[in-house]
Amino acid sequence: MATQAEIRTLLECHVVGCDGEQLGRVGQVYLNDRTGRAEWVTVCGGFLGMRQTFVPLAGSSRTGDEITVAFDGAKVRAAPHVAVDGLLTAREEILLHRHYGMGHTVPAPRTGDHDRLDLDI
């Protein structure tokens, strides 16, 4: 499980694409409900850093205050818009998994997740 200190250190990082493109700074950290591990971060970019884009931490590496993700800048910028409102719904997670080529796995249902899963997204 990620500790508060680990999450804080992630929030201080800048995100770089695998192509070396500076993407922005970490806005938020999303933990896996079952494992408690950091699974996604949002990257603040765009005009004045107002847009936040989800990017998975799988395959990333960290050196100091820099996280290099496994995707290039174009892939991250093209990610589906998902509201940064505290929880990823199963539908949103499926959209992001598909965009990043992480397979068609359906996340396990979460407590309170009442969205209908439409797998033909």
PDB file of N, CA and C in Angstrom:
ATOM      1  N   MET A   1       0.853  -1.178   0.000  1.00  0.00           N
ATOM      2  CA  MET A   1       0.000   0.000   0.000  1.00  0.00           C
ATOM      3  C   MET A   1       0.896   1.236   0.000  1.00  0.00           C
ATOM      4  N   ALA A   2       0.512   2.222  -0.811  1.00  0.00           N
ATOM      5  CA  ALA A   2       1.267   3.474  -0.888  1.00  0.00           C
ATOM      6  C   ALA A   2       1.063   4.283   0.387  1.00  0.00           C
ATOM      7  N   THR A   3       2.150   4.791   0.912  1.00  0.00           N
ATOM      8  CA  THR A   3       2.052   5.630   2.100  1.00  0.00           C
ATOM      9  C   THR A   3       1.814   7.074   1.670  1.00  0.00           C
ATOM     10  N   GLN A   4       1.391   7.886   2.618  1.00  0.00           N
ATOM     11  CA  GLN A   4       1.186   9.306   2.330  1.00  0.00           C
ATOM     12  C   GLN A   4       2.480   9.960   1.855  1.00  0.00           C
ATOM     13  N   ALA A   5       3.609   9.556   2.414  1.00  0.00           N
ATOM     14  CA  ALA A   5       4.902  10.114   2.014  1.00  0.00           C
ATOM     15  C   ALA A   5       5.219   9.762   0.564  1.00  0.00           C
ATOM     16  N   GLU A   6       4.937   8.508   0.166  1.00  0.00           N
ATOM     17  CA  GLU A   6       5.178   8.086  -1.214  1.00  0.00           C
ATOM     18  C   GLU A   6       4.292   8.874  -2.185  1.00  0.00           C
ATOM     19  N   ILE A   7       3.052   9.070  -1.806  1.00  0.00           N
ATOM     20  CA  ILE A   7       2.130   9.832  -2.655  1.00  0.00           C
ATOM     21  C   ILE A   7       2.612  11.274  -2.778  1.00  0.00           C
ATOM     22  N   ARG A   8       3.020  11.866  -1.675  1.00  0.00           N
ATOM     23  CA  ARG A   8       3.529  13.242  -1.693  1.00  0.00           C
ATOM     24  C   ARG A   8       4.729  13.379  -2.627  1.00  0.00           C
ATOM     25  N   THR A   9       5.632  12.393  -2.602  1.00  0.00           N
ATOM     26  CA  THR A   9       6.807  12.487  -3.473  1.00  0.00           C
ATOM     27  C   THR A   9       6.410  12.370  -4.938  1.00  0.00           C
ATOM     28  N   LEU A  10       5.385  11.592  -5.242  1.00  0.00           N
ATOM     29  CA  LEU A  10       4.897  11.516  -6.627  1.00  0.00           C
ATOM     30  C   LEU A  10       4.313  12.855  -7.064  1.00  0.00           C
ATOM     31  N   LEU A  11       3.620  13.527  -6.157  1.00  0.00           N
ATOM     32  CA  LEU A  11       2.994  14.801  -6.480  1.00  0.00           C
ATOM     33  C   LEU A  11       4.017  15.896  -6.766  1.00  0.00           C
ATOM     34  N   GLU A  12       5.260  15.670  -6.397  1.00  0.00           N
ATOM     35  CA  GLU A  12       6.318  16.643  -6.650  1.00  0.00           C
ATOM     36  C   GLU A  12       7.046  16.391  -7.968  1.00  0.00           C
ATOM     37  N   CYS A  13       6.620  15.367  -8.714  1.00  0.00           N
ATOM     38  CA  CYS A  13       7.342  14.954  -9.920  1.00  0.00           C
ATOM     39  C   CYS A  13       6.844  15.636 -11.189  1.00  0.00           C
ATOM     40  N   HIS A  14       7.750  15.670 -12.165  1.00  0.00           N
ATOM     41  CA  HIS A  14       7.436  16.070 -13.525  1.00  0.00           C
ATOM     42  C   HIS A  14       7.353  14.795 -14.354  1.00  0.00           C
ATOM     43  N   VAL A  15       6.488  14.801 -15.373  1.00  0.00           N
ATOM     44  CA  VAL A  15       6.281  13.614 -16.192  1.00  0.00           C
ATOM     45  C   VAL A  15       6.878  13.849 -17.571  1.00  0.00           C
ATOM     46  N   VAL A  16       7.607  12.848 -18.045  1.00  0.00           N
ATOM     47  CA  VAL A  16       8.263  12.889 -19.341  1.00  0.00           C
ATOM     48  C   VAL A  16       7.794  11.675 -20.137  1.00  0.00           C
ATOM     49  N   GLY A  17       7.534  11.867 -21.425  1.00  0.00           N
ATOM     50  CA  GLY A  17       7.157  10.751 -22.285  1.00  0.00           C
ATOM     51  C   GLY A  17       8.369   9.906 -22.629  1.00  0.00           C
ATOM     52  N   CYS A  18       8.135   8.699 -23.121  1.00  0.00           N
ATOM     53  CA  CYS A  18       9.237   7.814 -23.490  1.00  0.00           C
ATOM     54  C   CYS A  18      10.042   8.391 -24.650  1.00  0.00           C
ATOM     55  N   ASP A  19       9.476   9.394 -25.338  1.00  0.00           N
ATOM     56  CA  ASP A  19      10.177  10.069 -26.423  1.00  0.00           C
ATOM     57  C   ASP A  19      10.976  11.274 -25.934  1.00  0.00           C
ATOM     58  N   GLY A  20      11.002  11.485 -24.622  1.00  0.00           N
ATOM     59  CA  GLY A  20      11.746  12.594 -24.036  1.00  0.00           C
ATOM     60  C   GLY A  20      10.965  13.892 -23.927  1.00  0.00           C
ATOM     61  N   GLU A  21       9.732  13.899 -24.407  1.00  0.00           N
ATOM     62  CA  GLU A  21       8.914  15.114 -24.348  1.00  0.00           C
ATOM     63  C   GLU A  21       8.477  15.405 -22.916  1.00  0.00           C
ATOM     64  N   GLN A  22       8.664  16.646 -22.481  1.00  0.00           N
ATOM     65  CA  GLN A  22       8.187  17.083 -21.168  1.00  0.00           C
ATOM     66  C   GLN A  22       6.663  17.218 -21.252  1.00  0.00           C
ATOM     67  N   LEU A  23       5.933  16.463 -20.438  1.00  0.00           N
ATOM     68  CA  LEU A  23       4.470  16.438 -20.523  1.00  0.00           C
ATOM     69  C   LEU A  23       3.787  17.326 -19.495  1.00  0.00           C
ATOM     70  N   GLY A  24       4.425  17.574 -18.384  1.00  0.00           N
ATOM     71  CA  GLY A  24       3.823  18.393 -17.332  1.00  0.00           C
ATOM     72  C   GLY A  24       4.167  17.834 -15.966  1.00  0.00           C
ATOM     73  N   ARG A  25       3.479  18.328 -14.985  1.00  0.00           N
ATOM     74  CA  ARG A  25       3.711  17.855 -13.619  1.00  0.00           C
ATOM     75  C   ARG A  25       2.571  16.941 -13.190  1.00  0.00           C
ATOM     76  N   VAL A  26       2.824  16.123 -12.181  1.00  0.00           N
ATOM     77  CA  VAL A  26       1.795  15.243 -11.641  1.00  0.00           C
ATOM     78  C   VAL A  26       0.757  16.104 -10.935  1.00  0.00           C
ATOM     79  N   GLY A  27      -0.513  15.870 -11.267  1.00  0.00           N
ATOM     80  CA  GLY A  27      -1.607  16.595 -10.619  1.00  0.00           C
ATOM     81  C   GLY A  27      -2.215  15.801  -9.481  1.00  0.00           C
ATOM     82  N   GLN A  28      -2.530  14.536  -9.775  1.00  0.00           N
ATOM     83  CA  GLN A  28      -3.142  13.666  -8.769  1.00  0.00           C
ATOM     84  C   GLN A  28      -2.617  12.255  -8.940  1.00  0.00           C
ATOM     85  N   VAL A  29      -2.703  11.488  -7.867  1.00  0.00           N
ATOM     86  CA  VAL A  29      -2.286  10.096  -7.861  1.00  0.00           C
ATOM     87  C   VAL A  29      -3.515   9.250  -7.569  1.00  0.00           C
ATOM     88  N   TYR A  30      -3.745   8.236  -8.398  1.00  0.00           N
ATOM     89  CA  TYR A  30      -4.883   7.333  -8.202  1.00  0.00           C
ATOM     90  C   TYR A  30      -4.358   5.959  -7.814  1.00  0.00           C
ATOM     91  N   LEU A  31      -4.901   5.429  -6.722  1.00  0.00           N
ATOM     92  CA  LEU A  31      -4.485   4.137  -6.194  1.00  0.00           C
ATOM     93  C   LEU A  31      -5.444   3.043  -6.646  1.00  0.00           C
ATOM     94  N   ASN A  32      -4.923   1.845  -6.784  1.00  0.00           N
ATOM     95  CA  ASN A  32      -5.747   0.678  -7.047  1.00  0.00           C
ATOM     96  C   ASN A  32      -6.511   0.361  -5.773  1.00  0.00           C
ATOM     97  N   ASP A  33      -7.838   0.241  -5.885  1.00  0.00           N
ATOM     98  CA  ASP A  33      -8.682  -0.011  -4.715  1.00  0.00           C
ATOM     99  C   ASP A  33      -8.325  -1.305  -3.986  1.00  0.00           C
ATOM    100  N   ARG A  34      -7.907  -2.304  -4.719  1.00  0.00           N
ATOM    101  CA  ARG A  34      -7.636  -3.605  -4.111  1.00  0.00           C
ATOM    102  C   ARG A  34      -6.241  -3.699  -3.508  1.00  0.00           C
ATOM    103  N   THR A  35      -5.228  -3.129  -4.208  1.00  0.00           N
ATOM    104  CA  THR A  35      -3.855  -3.288  -3.751  1.00  0.00           C
ATOM    105  C   THR A  35      -3.333  -2.087  -2.970  1.00  0.00           C
ATOM    106  N   GLY A  36      -3.944  -0.931  -3.166  1.00  0.00           N
ATOM    107  CA  GLY A  36      -3.470   0.285  -2.522  1.00  0.00           C
ATOM    108  C   GLY A  36      -2.239   0.881  -3.171  1.00  0.00           C
ATOM    109  N   ARG A  37      -1.811   0.313  -4.288  1.00  0.00           N
ATOM    110  CA  ARG A  37      -0.624   0.814  -4.994  1.00  0.00           C
ATOM    111  C   ARG A  37      -1.007   1.919  -5.965  1.00  0.00           C
ATOM    112  N   ALA A  38      -0.083   2.855  -6.173  1.00  0.00           N
ATOM    113  CA  ALA A  38      -0.285   3.919  -7.159  1.00  0.00           C
ATOM    114  C   ALA A  38      -0.331   3.285  -8.545  1.00  0.00           C
ATOM    115  N   GLU A  39      -1.427   3.543  -9.277  1.00  0.00           N
ATOM    116  CA  GLU A  39      -1.626   2.909 -10.579  1.00  0.00           C
ATOM    117  C   GLU A  39      -1.700   3.929 -11.718  1.00  0.00           C
ATOM    118  N   TRP A  40      -2.255   5.093 -11.440  1.00  0.00           N
ATOM    119  CA  TRP A  40      -2.419   6.157 -12.428  1.00  0.00           C
ATOM    120  C   TRP A  40      -1.982   7.479 -11.809  1.00  0.00           C
ATOM    121  N   VAL A  41      -1.512   8.375 -12.670  1.00  0.00           N
ATOM    122  CA  VAL A  41      -1.328   9.770 -12.270  1.00  0.00           C
ATOM    123  C   VAL A  41      -2.010  10.625 -13.326  1.00  0.00           C
ATOM    124  N   THR A  42      -2.399  11.814 -12.924  1.00  0.00           N
ATOM    125  CA  THR A  42      -2.846  12.777 -13.922  1.00  0.00           C
ATOM    126  C   THR A  42      -1.675  13.705 -14.187  1.00  0.00           C
ATOM    127  N   VAL A  43      -1.571  14.131 -15.439  1.00  0.00           N
ATOM    128  CA  VAL A  43      -0.520  15.036 -15.854  1.00  0.00           C
ATOM    129  C   VAL A  43      -1.171  16.370 -16.171  1.00  0.00           C
ATOM    130  N   CYS A  44      -0.720  17.418 -15.488  1.00  0.00           N
ATOM    131  CA  CYS A  44      -1.232  18.767 -15.741  1.00  0.00           C
ATOM    132  C   CYS A  44      -0.470  19.346 -16.917  1.00  0.00           C
ATOM    133  N   GLY A  45      -1.190  19.665 -17.960  1.00  0.00           N
ATOM    134  CA  GLY A  45      -0.558  20.229 -19.152  1.00  0.00           C
ATOM    135  C   GLY A  45      -1.497  21.196 -19.832  1.00  0.00           C
ATOM    136  N   GLY A  46      -1.168  21.549 -21.046  1.00  0.00           N
ATOM    137  CA  GLY A  46      -2.010  22.485 -21.791  1.00  0.00           C
ATOM    138  C   GLY A  46      -1.827  23.903 -21.297  1.00  0.00           C
ATOM    139  N   PHE A  47      -2.702  24.778 -21.707  1.00  0.00           N
ATOM    140  CA  PHE A  47      -2.637  26.192 -21.354  1.00  0.00           C
ATOM    141  C   PHE A  47      -2.725  26.364 -19.842  1.00  0.00           C
ATOM    142  N   LEU A  48      -1.704  26.921 -19.264  1.00  0.00           N
ATOM    143  CA  LEU A  48      -1.598  27.163 -17.817  1.00  0.00           C
ATOM    144  C   LEU A  48      -1.727  25.887 -16.977  1.00  0.00           C
ATOM    145  N   GLY A  49      -1.518  24.726 -17.583  1.00  0.00           N
ATOM    146  CA  GLY A  49      -1.584  23.477 -16.836  1.00  0.00           C
ATOM    147  C   GLY A  49      -2.976  23.118 -16.358  1.00  0.00           C
ATOM    148  N   MET A  50      -3.993  23.643 -17.049  1.00  0.00           N
ATOM    149  CA  MET A  50      -5.376  23.437 -16.594  1.00  0.00           C
ATOM    150  C   MET A  50      -5.940  22.066 -16.982  1.00  0.00           C
ATOM    151  N   ARG A  51      -5.430  21.446 -18.039  1.00  0.00           N
ATOM    152  CA  ARG A  51      -5.944  20.142 -18.471  1.00  0.00           C
ATOM    153  C   ARG A  51      -5.181  19.048 -17.734  1.00  0.00           C
ATOM    154  N   GLN A  52      -5.917  18.066 -17.217  1.00  0.00           N
ATOM    155  CA  GLN A  52      -5.285  16.922 -16.574  1.00  0.00           C
ATOM    156  C   GLN A  52      -5.621  15.669 -17.372  1.00  0.00           C
ATOM    157  N   THR A  53      -4.598  14.911 -17.703  1.00  0.00           N
ATOM    158  CA  THR A  53      -4.737  13.707 -18.504  1.00  0.00           C
ATOM    159  C   THR A  53      -4.229  12.517 -17.706  1.00  0.00           C
ATOM    160  N   PHE A  54      -4.990  11.434 -17.713  1.00  0.00           N
ATOM    161  CA  PHE A  54      -4.580  10.220 -17.011  1.00  0.00           C
ATOM    162  C   PHE A  54      -3.508   9.493 -17.803  1.00  0.00           C
ATOM    163  N   VAL A  55      -2.518   8.992 -17.089  1.00  0.00           N
ATOM    164  CA  VAL A  55      -1.487   8.142 -17.692  1.00  0.00           C
ATOM    165  C   VAL A  55      -1.137   7.049 -16.678  1.00  0.00           C
ATOM    166  N   PRO A  56      -1.017   5.806 -17.158  1.00  0.00           N
ATOM    167  CA  PRO A  56      -0.700   4.713 -16.225  1.00  0.00           C
ATOM    168  C   PRO A  56       0.761   4.764 -15.792  1.00  0.00           C
ATOM    169  N   LEU A  57       1.009   4.302 -14.590  1.00  0.00           N
ATOM    170  CA  LEU A  57       2.377   4.207 -14.085  1.00  0.00           C
ATOM    171  C   LEU A  57       3.044   2.897 -14.488  1.00  0.00           C
ATOM    172  N   ALA A  58       2.274   1.934 -14.993  1.00  0.00           N
ATOM    173  CA  ALA A  58       2.844   0.655 -15.424  1.00  0.00           C
ATOM    174  C   ALA A  58       3.915   0.911 -16.484  1.00  0.00           C
ATOM    175  N   GLY A  59       5.076   0.329 -16.285  1.00  0.00           N
ATOM    176  CA  GLY A  59       6.173   0.470 -17.235  1.00  0.00           C
ATOM    177  C   GLY A  59       6.953   1.767 -17.112  1.00  0.00           C
ATOM    178  N   SER A  60       6.627   2.577 -16.112  1.00  0.00           N
ATOM    179  CA  SER A  60       7.327   3.851 -15.952  1.00  0.00           C
ATOM    180  C   SER A  60       8.581   3.670 -15.099  1.00  0.00           C
ATOM    181  N   SER A  61       9.449   4.670 -15.162  1.00  0.00           N
ATOM    182  CA  SER A  61      10.632   4.672 -14.302  1.00  0.00           C
ATOM    183  C   SER A  61      10.756   6.052 -13.681  1.00  0.00           C
ATOM    184  N   ARG A  62      11.400   6.078 -12.538  1.00  0.00           N
ATOM    185  CA  ARG A  62      11.535   7.346 -11.829  1.00  0.00           C
ATOM    186  C   ARG A  62      12.993   7.597 -11.489  1.00  0.00           C
ATOM    187  N   THR A  63      13.417   8.815 -11.783  1.00  0.00           N
ATOM    188  CA  THR A  63      14.753   9.261 -11.417  1.00  0.00           C
ATOM    189  C   THR A  63      14.596  10.613 -10.750  1.00  0.00           C
ATOM    190  N   GLY A  64      14.852  10.660  -9.455  1.00  0.00           N
ATOM    191  CA  GLY A  64      14.700  11.917  -8.723  1.00  0.00           C
ATOM    192  C   GLY A  64      13.264  12.392  -8.775  1.00  0.00           C
ATOM    193  N   ASP A  65      13.062  13.612  -9.270  1.00  0.00           N
ATOM    194  CA  ASP A  65      11.709  14.173  -9.346  1.00  0.00           C
ATOM    195  C   ASP A  65      11.133  14.086 -10.750  1.00  0.00           C
ATOM    196  N   GLU A  66      11.583  13.093 -11.515  1.00  0.00           N
ATOM    197  CA  GLU A  66      11.101  12.922 -12.881  1.00  0.00           C
ATOM    198  C   GLU A  66      10.605  11.492 -13.096  1.00  0.00           C
ATOM    199  N   ILE A  67       9.392  11.372 -13.628  1.00  0.00           N
ATOM    200  CA  ILE A  67       8.820  10.074 -13.974  1.00  0.00           C
ATOM    201  C   ILE A  67       8.783   9.988 -15.493  1.00  0.00           C
ATOM    202  N   THR A  68       9.426   8.972 -16.040  1.00  0.00           N
ATOM    203  CA  THR A  68       9.362   8.722 -17.476  1.00  0.00           C
ATOM    204  C   THR A  68       8.339   7.622 -17.684  1.00  0.00           C
ATOM    205  N   VAL A  69       7.251   7.954 -18.393  1.00  0.00           N
ATOM    206  CA  VAL A  69       6.182   6.991 -18.618  1.00  0.00           C
ATOM    207  C   VAL A  69       6.462   6.190 -19.887  1.00  0.00           C
ATOM    208  N   ALA A  70       5.765   5.100 -20.064  1.00  0.00           N
ATOM    209  CA  ALA A  70       5.996   4.170 -21.164  1.00  0.00           C
ATOM    210  C   ALA A  70       5.321   4.605 -22.465  1.00  0.00           C
ATOM    211  N   PHE A  71       4.831   5.840 -22.527  1.00  0.00           N
ATOM    212  CA  PHE A  71       4.089   6.311 -23.693  1.00  0.00           C
ATOM    213  C   PHE A  71       4.653   7.638 -24.165  1.00  0.00           C
ATOM    214  N   ASP A  72       4.559   7.886 -25.479  1.00  0.00           N
ATOM    215  CA  ASP A  72       5.063   9.157 -25.991  1.00  0.00           C
ATOM    216  C   ASP A  72       4.041  10.268 -25.776  1.00  0.00           C
ATOM    217  N   GLY A  73       4.486  11.484 -25.996  1.00  0.00           N
ATOM    218  CA  GLY A  73       3.643  12.646 -25.746  1.00  0.00           C
ATOM    219  C   GLY A  73       2.356  12.640 -26.537  1.00  0.00           C
ATOM    220  N   ALA A  74       2.411  12.208 -27.797  1.00  0.00           N
ATOM    221  CA  ALA A  74       1.210  12.186 -28.640  1.00  0.00           C
ATOM    222  C   ALA A  74       0.158  11.244 -28.073  1.00  0.00           C
ATOM    223  N   LYS A  75       0.585  10.088 -27.585  1.00  0.00           N
ATOM    224  CA  LYS A  75      -0.353   9.109 -27.014  1.00  0.00           C
ATOM    225  C   LYS A  75      -1.014   9.672 -25.757  1.00  0.00           C
ATOM    226  N   VAL A  76      -0.230  10.326 -24.911  1.00  0.00           N
ATOM    227  CA  VAL A  76      -0.776  10.890 -23.672  1.00  0.00           C
ATOM    228  C   VAL A  76      -1.758  12.017 -24.001  1.00  0.00           C
ATOM    229  N   ARG A  77      -1.394  12.897 -24.929  1.00  0.00           N
ATOM    230  CA  ARG A  77      -2.290  14.012 -25.296  1.00  0.00           C
ATOM    231  C   ARG A  77      -3.590  13.524 -25.922  1.00  0.00           C
ATOM    232  N   ALA A  78      -3.559  12.358 -26.584  1.00  0.00           N
ATOM    233  CA  ALA A  78      -4.750  11.818 -27.254  1.00  0.00           C
ATOM    234  C   ALA A  78      -5.630  10.985 -26.322  1.00  0.00           C
ATOM    235  N   ALA A  79      -5.259  10.864 -25.072  1.00  0.00           N
ATOM    236  CA  ALA A  79      -6.033  10.049 -24.124  1.00  0.00           C
ATOM    237  C   ALA A  79      -7.447  10.593 -23.983  1.00  0.00           C
ATOM    238  N   PRO A  80      -8.416   9.705 -23.779  1.00  0.00           N
ATOM    239  CA  PRO A  80      -9.793  10.164 -23.594  1.00  0.00           C
ATOM    240  C   PRO A  80      -9.904  11.074 -22.372  1.00  0.00           C
ATOM    241  N   HIS A  81     -10.758  12.076 -22.494  1.00  0.00           N
ATOM    242  CA  HIS A  81     -10.962  12.979 -21.365  1.00  0.00           C
ATOM    243  C   HIS A  81     -11.766  12.252 -20.289  1.00  0.00           C
ATOM    244  N   VAL A  82     -11.200  12.218 -19.110  1.00  0.00           N
ATOM    245  CA  VAL A  82     -11.861  11.613 -17.959  1.00  0.00           C
ATOM    246  C   VAL A  82     -11.829  12.656 -16.852  1.00  0.00           C
ATOM    247  N   ALA A  83     -12.981  12.888 -16.251  1.00  0.00           N
ATOM    248  CA  ALA A  83     -13.068  13.888 -15.186  1.00  0.00           C
ATOM    249  C   ALA A  83     -12.188  13.496 -14.001  1.00  0.00           C
ATOM    250  N   VAL A  84     -11.512  14.475 -13.473  1.00  0.00           N
ATOM    251  CA  VAL A  84     -10.668  14.268 -12.297  1.00  0.00           C
ATOM    252  C   VAL A  84     -11.516  14.627 -11.089  1.00  0.00           C
ATOM    253  N   ASP A  85     -12.297  13.627 -10.639  1.00  0.00           N
ATOM    254  CA  ASP A  85     -13.259  13.903  -9.572  1.00  0.00           C
ATOM    255  C   ASP A  85     -13.148  12.945  -8.400  1.00  0.00           C
ATOM    256  N   GLY A  86     -12.026  12.303  -8.270  1.00  0.00           N
ATOM    257  CA  GLY A  86     -11.814  11.466  -7.092  1.00  0.00           C
ATOM    258  C   GLY A  86     -11.819   9.979  -7.338  1.00  0.00           C
ATOM    259  N   LEU A  87     -12.687   9.475  -8.204  1.00  0.00           N
ATOM    260  CA  LEU A  87     -12.747   8.038  -8.464  1.00  0.00           C
ATOM    261  C   LEU A  87     -12.854   7.790  -9.958  1.00  0.00           C
ATOM    262  N   LEU A  88     -12.183   6.750 -10.420  1.00  0.00           N
ATOM    263  CA  LEU A  88     -12.366   6.301 -11.797  1.00  0.00           C
ATOM    264  C   LEU A  88     -13.494   5.277 -11.795  1.00  0.00           C
ATOM    265  N   THR A  89     -14.474   5.464 -12.656  1.00  0.00           N
ATOM    266  CA  THR A  89     -15.517   4.453 -12.777  1.00  0.00           C
ATOM    267  C   THR A  89     -14.952   3.301 -13.602  1.00  0.00           C
ATOM    268  N   ALA A  90     -15.602   2.170 -13.557  1.00  0.00           N
ATOM    269  CA  ALA A  90     -15.165   1.021 -14.345  1.00  0.00           C
ATOM    270  C   ALA A  90     -15.167   1.375 -15.833  1.00  0.00           C
ATOM    271  N   ARG A  91     -16.162   2.111 -16.294  1.00  0.00           N
ATOM    272  CA  ARG A  91     -16.240   2.514 -17.705  1.00  0.00           C
ATOM    273  C   ARG A  91     -15.053   3.394 -18.090  1.00  0.00           C
ATOM    274  N   GLU A  92     -14.713   4.357 -17.238  1.00  0.00           N
ATOM    275  CA  GLU A  92     -13.579   5.233 -17.512  1.00  0.00           C
ATOM    276  C   GLU A  92     -12.271   4.443 -17.536  1.00  0.00           C
ATOM    277  N   GLU A  93     -12.145   3.520 -16.613  1.00  0.00           N
ATOM    278  CA  GLU A  93     -10.931   2.713 -16.561  1.00  0.00           C
ATOM    279  C   GLU A  93     -10.794   1.845 -17.806  1.00  0.00           C
ATOM    280  N   ILE A  94     -11.898   1.304 -18.295  1.00  0.00           N
ATOM    281  CA  ILE A  94     -11.870   0.509 -19.518  1.00  0.00           C
ATOM    282  C   ILE A  94     -11.438   1.379 -20.701  1.00  0.00           C
ATOM    283  N   LEU A  95     -11.991   2.595 -20.803  1.00  0.00           N
ATOM    284  CA  LEU A  95     -11.592   3.508 -21.883  1.00  0.00           C
ATOM    285  C   LEU A  95     -10.089   3.775 -21.843  1.00  0.00           C
ATOM    286  N   LEU A  96      -9.571   4.039 -20.665  1.00  0.00           N
ATOM    287  CA  LEU A  96      -8.144   4.333 -20.534  1.00  0.00           C
ATOM    288  C   LEU A  96      -7.291   3.099 -20.840  1.00  0.00           C
ATOM    289  N   HIS A  97      -7.695   1.933 -20.359  1.00  0.00           N
ATOM    290  CA  HIS A  97      -6.958   0.697 -20.650  1.00  0.00           C
ATOM    291  C   HIS A  97      -6.888   0.460 -22.146  1.00  0.00           C
ATOM    292  N   ARG A  98      -7.993   0.648 -22.826  1.00  0.00           N
ATOM    293  CA  ARG A  98      -8.017   0.437 -24.274  1.00  0.00           C
ATOM    294  C   ARG A  98      -7.142   1.451 -24.998  1.00  0.00           C
ATOM    295  N   HIS A  99      -7.212   2.703 -24.593  1.00  0.00           N
ATOM    296  CA  HIS A  99      -6.414   3.743 -25.245  1.00  0.00           C
ATOM    297  C   HIS A  99      -4.923   3.436 -25.140  1.00  0.00           C
ATOM    298  N   TYR A 100      -4.489   3.025 -23.970  1.00  0.00           N
ATOM    299  CA  TYR A 100      -3.074   2.780 -23.747  1.00  0.00           C
ATOM    300  C   TYR A 100      -2.652   1.354 -24.125  1.00  0.00           C
ATOM    301  N   GLY A 101      -3.575   0.574 -24.720  1.00  0.00           N
ATOM    302  CA  GLY A 101      -3.225  -0.764 -25.176  1.00  0.00           C
ATOM    303  C   GLY A 101      -2.923  -1.727 -24.046  1.00  0.00           C
ATOM    304  N   MET A 102      -3.620  -1.537 -22.948  1.00  0.00           N
ATOM    305  CA  MET A 102      -3.396  -2.373 -21.774  1.00  0.00           C
ATOM    306  C   MET A 102      -4.350  -3.561 -21.747  1.00  0.00           C
ATOM    307  N   GLY A 103      -4.867  -3.931 -22.886  1.00  0.00           N
ATOM    308  CA  GLY A 103      -5.767  -5.067 -22.969  1.00  0.00           C
ATOM    309  C   GLY A 103      -7.205  -4.667 -22.714  1.00  0.00           C
ATOM    310  N   HIS A 104      -8.049  -5.642 -22.781  1.00  0.00           N
ATOM    311  CA  HIS A 104      -9.479  -5.408 -22.612  1.00  0.00           C
ATOM    312  C   HIS A 104      -9.954  -5.953 -21.280  1.00  0.00           C
ATOM    313  N   THR A 105      -9.100  -5.867 -20.285  1.00  0.00           N
ATOM    314  CA  THR A 105      -9.480  -6.384 -18.982  1.00  0.00           C
ATOM    315  C   THR A 105     -10.548  -5.495 -18.364  1.00  0.00           C
ATOM    316  N   VAL A 106     -11.480  -6.120 -17.749  1.00  0.00           N
ATOM    317  CA  VAL A 106     -12.546  -5.392 -17.071  1.00  0.00           C
ATOM    318  C   VAL A 106     -12.183  -5.318 -15.600  1.00  0.00           C
ATOM    319  N   PRO A 107     -12.062  -4.116 -15.058  1.00  0.00           N
ATOM    320  CA  PRO A 107     -11.727  -4.002 -13.639  1.00  0.00           C
ATOM    321  C   PRO A 107     -12.776  -4.685 -12.777  1.00  0.00           C
ATOM    322  N   ALA A 108     -12.344  -5.235 -11.675  1.00  0.00           N
ATOM    323  CA  ALA A 108     -13.284  -5.852 -10.738  1.00  0.00           C
ATOM    324  C   ALA A 108     -14.234  -4.781 -10.213  1.00  0.00           C
ATOM    325  N   PRO A 109     -15.510  -5.137 -10.016  1.00  0.00           N
ATOM    326  CA  PRO A 109     -16.468  -4.156  -9.502  1.00  0.00           C
ATOM    327  C   PRO A 109     -16.007  -3.586  -8.170  1.00  0.00           C
ATOM    328  N   ARG A 110     -16.309  -2.329  -7.987  1.00  0.00           N
ATOM    329  CA  ARG A 110     -15.941  -1.649  -6.744  1.00  0.00           C
ATOM    330  C   ARG A 110     -17.194  -1.383  -5.939  1.00  0.00           C
ATOM    331  N   THR A 111     -17.012  -1.235  -4.672  1.00  0.00           N
ATOM    332  CA  THR A 111     -18.123  -0.873  -3.809  1.00  0.00           C
ATOM    333  C   THR A 111     -18.665   0.476  -4.243  1.00  0.00           C
ATOM    334  N   GLY A 112     -19.944   0.565  -4.467  1.00  0.00           N
ATOM    335  CA  GLY A 112     -20.557   1.834  -4.843  1.00  0.00           C
ATOM    336  C   GLY A 112     -20.446   2.175  -6.317  1.00  0.00           C
ATOM    337  N   ASP A 113     -19.843   1.315  -7.144  1.00  0.00           N
ATOM    338  CA  ASP A 113     -19.721   1.592  -8.573  1.00  0.00           C
ATOM    339  C   ASP A 113     -20.962   1.045  -9.266  1.00  0.00           C
ATOM    340  N   HIS A 114     -21.884   1.945  -9.565  1.00  0.00           N
ATOM    341  CA  HIS A 114     -23.162   1.524 -10.124  1.00  0.00           C
ATOM    342  C   HIS A 114     -23.270   1.781 -11.604  1.00  0.00           C
ATOM    343  N   ASP A 115     -22.168   2.172 -12.273  1.00  0.00           N
ATOM    344  CA  ASP A 115     -22.222   2.410 -13.707  1.00  0.00           C
ATOM    345  C   ASP A 115     -22.455   1.095 -14.433  1.00  0.00           C
ATOM    346  N   ARG A 116     -23.261   1.174 -15.483  1.00  0.00           N
ATOM    347  CA  ARG A 116     -23.466   0.006 -16.330  1.00  0.00           C
ATOM    348  C   ARG A 116     -22.211  -0.167 -17.179  1.00  0.00           C
ATOM    349  N   LEU A 117     -21.673  -1.366 -17.223  1.00  0.00           N
ATOM    350  CA  LEU A 117     -20.499  -1.627 -18.037  1.00  0.00           C
ATOM    351  C   LEU A 117     -20.925  -1.904 -19.458  1.00  0.00           C
ATOM    352  N   ASP A 118     -20.621  -0.996 -20.367  1.00  0.00           N
ATOM    353  CA  ASP A 118     -20.906  -1.174 -21.780  1.00  0.00           C
ATOM    354  C   ASP A 118     -19.573  -1.487 -22.446  1.00  0.00           C
ATOM    355  N   LEU A 119     -19.309  -2.748 -22.693  1.00  0.00           N
ATOM    356  CA  LEU A 119     -17.998  -3.153 -23.193  1.00  0.00           C
ATOM    357  C   LEU A 119     -17.806  -2.891 -24.672  1.00  0.00           C
ATOM    358  N   ASP A 120     -18.793  -2.379 -25.355  1.00  0.00           N
ATOM    359  CA  ASP A 120     -18.651  -2.048 -26.763  1.00  0.00           C
ATOM    360  C   ASP A 120     -18.376  -0.566 -26.928  1.00  0.00           C
ATOM    361  N   ILE A 121     -17.535  -0.031 -26.116  1.00  0.00           N
ATOM    362  CA  ILE A 121     -17.218   1.394 -26.128  1.00  0.00           C
ATOM    363  C   ILE A 121     -16.447   1.719 -27.379  1.00  0.00           C
TER     364      ILE A 121
END
